[in-house]
């Protein structure tokens, strides 16, 4: 994992086609702008985690008891 400090207006590029820009930083709140090709899925972390928990629960329900 790469950890960077960025100020508002600064950005990082990922693979020359994804830009993550700091728009606003205020008292522990951070606002980011992400520019990426349309075929790249962008999902907030809490939604990704929620979806993965639901998938794991469904797999356990579907798995036959041993």
N, C-alpha and C. Protein backbone atom coordinates (compact mmCIF):
# COMPACT_ATOMS: atom_id res chain seq x y z
N UNK A 1 0.85 -1.17 0.00
CA UNK A 1 0.00 0.00 0.00
C UNK A 1 0.90 1.23 0.00
N UNK A 2 0.58 2.16 -0.84
CA UNK A 2 1.29 3.43 -0.93
C UNK A 2 0.49 4.49 -0.17
N UNK A 3 1.13 5.18 0.74
CA UNK A 3 0.47 6.24 1.51
C UNK A 3 1.13 7.56 1.14
N UNK A 4 0.31 8.51 0.69
CA UNK A 4 0.80 9.81 0.25
C UNK A 4 0.08 10.93 0.98
N UNK A 5 0.76 12.03 1.16
CA UNK A 5 0.12 13.25 1.65
C UNK A 5 -0.14 14.14 0.44
N UNK A 6 -1.35 14.60 0.28
CA UNK A 6 -1.72 15.49 -0.83
C UNK A 6 -2.51 16.66 -0.28
N UNK A 7 -2.35 17.80 -0.89
CA UNK A 7 -3.10 19.01 -0.53
C UNK A 7 -4.20 19.24 -1.56
N UNK A 8 -5.22 20.03 -1.20
CA UNK A 8 -6.26 20.33 -2.18
C UNK A 8 -5.65 20.86 -3.48
N UNK A 9 -6.14 20.31 -4.59
CA UNK A 9 -5.65 20.68 -5.91
C UNK A 9 -4.58 19.72 -6.42
N UNK A 10 -3.97 18.95 -5.53
CA UNK A 10 -2.96 17.98 -5.95
C UNK A 10 -3.62 16.65 -6.28
N UNK A 11 -2.94 15.84 -7.07
CA UNK A 11 -3.53 14.58 -7.51
C UNK A 11 -2.46 13.52 -7.69
N UNK A 12 -2.92 12.29 -7.83
CA UNK A 12 -2.05 11.16 -8.19
C UNK A 12 -2.63 10.51 -9.43
N UNK A 13 -1.76 9.95 -10.25
CA UNK A 13 -2.18 9.20 -11.43
C UNK A 13 -1.89 7.73 -11.22
N UNK A 14 -2.82 6.89 -11.59
CA UNK A 14 -2.65 5.45 -11.50
C UNK A 14 -2.69 4.90 -12.92
N UNK A 15 -1.62 4.27 -13.33
CA UNK A 15 -1.52 3.64 -14.65
C UNK A 15 -1.82 4.62 -15.79
N UNK A 16 -1.48 5.88 -15.60
CA UNK A 16 -1.65 6.94 -16.61
C UNK A 16 -3.08 7.14 -17.11
N UNK A 17 -4.08 6.51 -16.48
CA UNK A 17 -5.45 6.74 -16.95
C UNK A 17 -6.48 6.89 -15.82
N UNK A 18 -6.02 6.86 -14.57
CA UNK A 18 -6.92 7.09 -13.44
C UNK A 18 -6.32 8.21 -12.61
N UNK A 19 -7.09 9.29 -12.43
CA UNK A 19 -6.62 10.42 -11.64
C UNK A 19 -7.47 10.53 -10.38
N UNK A 20 -6.79 10.60 -9.23
CA UNK A 20 -7.45 10.82 -7.95
C UNK A 20 -6.96 12.17 -7.45
N UNK A 21 -7.88 13.12 -7.36
CA UNK A 21 -7.54 14.50 -7.02
C UNK A 21 -8.20 14.90 -5.70
N UNK A 22 -7.44 15.55 -4.84
CA UNK A 22 -7.99 16.07 -3.59
C UNK A 22 -8.69 17.39 -3.92
N UNK A 23 -9.97 17.43 -3.67
CA UNK A 23 -10.78 18.62 -3.95
C UNK A 23 -10.86 19.51 -2.71
N UNK A 24 -11.05 18.87 -1.55
CA UNK A 24 -11.22 19.63 -0.32
C UNK A 24 -10.74 18.80 0.87
N UNK A 25 -10.08 19.44 1.80
CA UNK A 25 -9.64 18.79 3.03
C UNK A 25 -10.02 19.71 4.17
N UNK A 26 -10.88 19.23 5.07
CA UNK A 26 -11.40 20.10 6.12
C UNK A 26 -11.66 19.30 7.39
N UNK A 27 -10.92 19.57 8.45
CA UNK A 27 -11.13 18.97 9.77
C UNK A 27 -11.42 17.48 9.73
N UNK A 28 -10.57 16.69 9.12
CA UNK A 28 -10.74 15.25 9.08
C UNK A 28 -11.64 14.75 7.97
N UNK A 29 -12.24 15.65 7.21
CA UNK A 29 -13.08 15.27 6.08
C UNK A 29 -12.30 15.50 4.80
N UNK A 30 -12.40 14.57 3.90
CA UNK A 30 -11.66 14.65 2.65
C UNK A 30 -12.63 14.45 1.49
N UNK A 31 -12.54 15.29 0.49
CA UNK A 31 -13.37 15.15 -0.70
C UNK A 31 -12.43 14.88 -1.87
N UNK A 32 -12.69 13.77 -2.57
CA UNK A 32 -11.86 13.35 -3.69
C UNK A 32 -12.65 13.39 -4.98
N UNK A 33 -11.95 13.64 -6.07
CA UNK A 33 -12.53 13.51 -7.41
C UNK A 33 -11.73 12.39 -8.09
N UNK A 34 -12.45 11.44 -8.68
CA UNK A 34 -11.79 10.32 -9.35
C UNK A 34 -12.21 10.33 -10.81
N UNK A 35 -11.22 10.41 -11.68
CA UNK A 35 -11.47 10.38 -13.12
C UNK A 35 -10.86 9.09 -13.66
N UNK A 36 -11.71 8.26 -14.26
CA UNK A 36 -11.25 6.96 -14.77
C UNK A 36 -12.05 6.59 -16.01
N UNK A 37 -11.52 5.69 -16.83
CA UNK A 37 -12.28 5.21 -18.00
C UNK A 37 -13.59 4.58 -17.55
N UNK A 38 -14.58 4.62 -18.40
CA UNK A 38 -15.92 4.12 -18.06
C UNK A 38 -15.93 2.63 -17.72
N UNK A 39 -14.99 1.86 -18.25
CA UNK A 39 -15.00 0.42 -17.98
C UNK A 39 -14.41 0.07 -16.60
N UNK A 40 -13.89 1.06 -15.89
CA UNK A 40 -13.35 0.85 -14.55
C UNK A 40 -14.46 1.10 -13.53
N UNK A 41 -14.71 0.10 -12.70
CA UNK A 41 -15.73 0.23 -11.66
C UNK A 41 -15.15 0.96 -10.46
N UNK A 42 -15.88 1.96 -9.95
CA UNK A 42 -15.47 2.69 -8.76
C UNK A 42 -16.58 2.52 -7.73
N UNK A 43 -16.23 1.94 -6.58
CA UNK A 43 -17.20 1.65 -5.53
C UNK A 43 -16.65 2.15 -4.20
N UNK A 44 -17.49 2.82 -3.42
CA UNK A 44 -17.06 3.25 -2.08
C UNK A 44 -16.75 2.03 -1.22
N UNK A 45 -15.74 2.15 -0.37
CA UNK A 45 -15.28 1.04 0.45
C UNK A 45 -16.35 0.40 1.29
N UNK A 46 -17.19 1.21 1.93
CA UNK A 46 -18.23 0.64 2.80
C UNK A 46 -19.25 -0.17 2.01
N UNK A 47 -19.54 0.24 0.77
CA UNK A 47 -20.46 -0.53 -0.06
C UNK A 47 -19.82 -1.83 -0.54
N UNK A 48 -18.54 -1.78 -0.87
CA UNK A 48 -17.82 -2.98 -1.29
C UNK A 48 -17.80 -4.00 -0.15
N UNK A 49 -17.50 -3.53 1.06
CA UNK A 49 -17.46 -4.42 2.22
C UNK A 49 -18.83 -5.01 2.51
N UNK A 50 -19.86 -4.19 2.44
CA UNK A 50 -21.23 -4.65 2.67
C UNK A 50 -21.61 -5.73 1.67
N UNK A 51 -21.26 -5.53 0.40
CA UNK A 51 -21.56 -6.49 -0.64
C UNK A 51 -20.81 -7.80 -0.41
N UNK A 52 -19.55 -7.72 -0.02
CA UNK A 52 -18.76 -8.93 0.22
C UNK A 52 -19.28 -9.72 1.41
N UNK A 53 -19.73 -9.03 2.46
CA UNK A 53 -20.31 -9.72 3.62
C UNK A 53 -21.58 -10.45 3.20
N UNK A 54 -22.41 -9.78 2.38
CA UNK A 54 -23.64 -10.41 1.90
C UNK A 54 -23.33 -11.63 1.04
N UNK A 55 -22.31 -11.54 0.19
CA UNK A 55 -21.93 -12.68 -0.65
C UNK A 55 -21.42 -13.84 0.19
N UNK A 56 -20.61 -13.56 1.20
CA UNK A 56 -20.09 -14.62 2.07
C UNK A 56 -21.22 -15.29 2.83
N UNK A 57 -22.17 -14.50 3.31
CA UNK A 57 -23.32 -15.06 4.02
C UNK A 57 -24.14 -15.95 3.09
N UNK A 58 -24.36 -15.52 1.86
CA UNK A 58 -25.12 -16.31 0.90
C UNK A 58 -24.39 -17.62 0.59
N UNK A 59 -23.08 -17.57 0.48
CA UNK A 59 -22.31 -18.80 0.21
C UNK A 59 -22.46 -19.79 1.36
N UNK A 60 -22.46 -19.30 2.59
CA UNK A 60 -22.61 -20.19 3.74
C UNK A 60 -23.98 -20.83 3.78
N UNK A 61 -25.00 -20.08 3.40
CA UNK A 61 -26.38 -20.60 3.38
C UNK A 61 -26.52 -21.66 2.30
N UNK A 62 -25.88 -21.42 1.14
CA UNK A 62 -25.98 -22.35 0.02
C UNK A 62 -25.15 -23.60 0.22
N UNK A 63 -24.09 -23.52 1.01
CA UNK A 63 -23.19 -24.67 1.19
C UNK A 63 -23.91 -25.76 1.99
N UNK A 64 -23.79 -26.99 1.52
CA UNK A 64 -24.43 -28.09 2.25
C UNK A 64 -23.72 -28.32 3.58
N UNK A 65 -24.49 -28.67 4.59
CA UNK A 65 -23.92 -28.94 5.91
C UNK A 65 -23.15 -30.24 5.86
N UNK A 66 -22.03 -30.27 6.56
CA UNK A 66 -21.22 -31.50 6.59
C UNK A 66 -21.17 -32.12 7.96
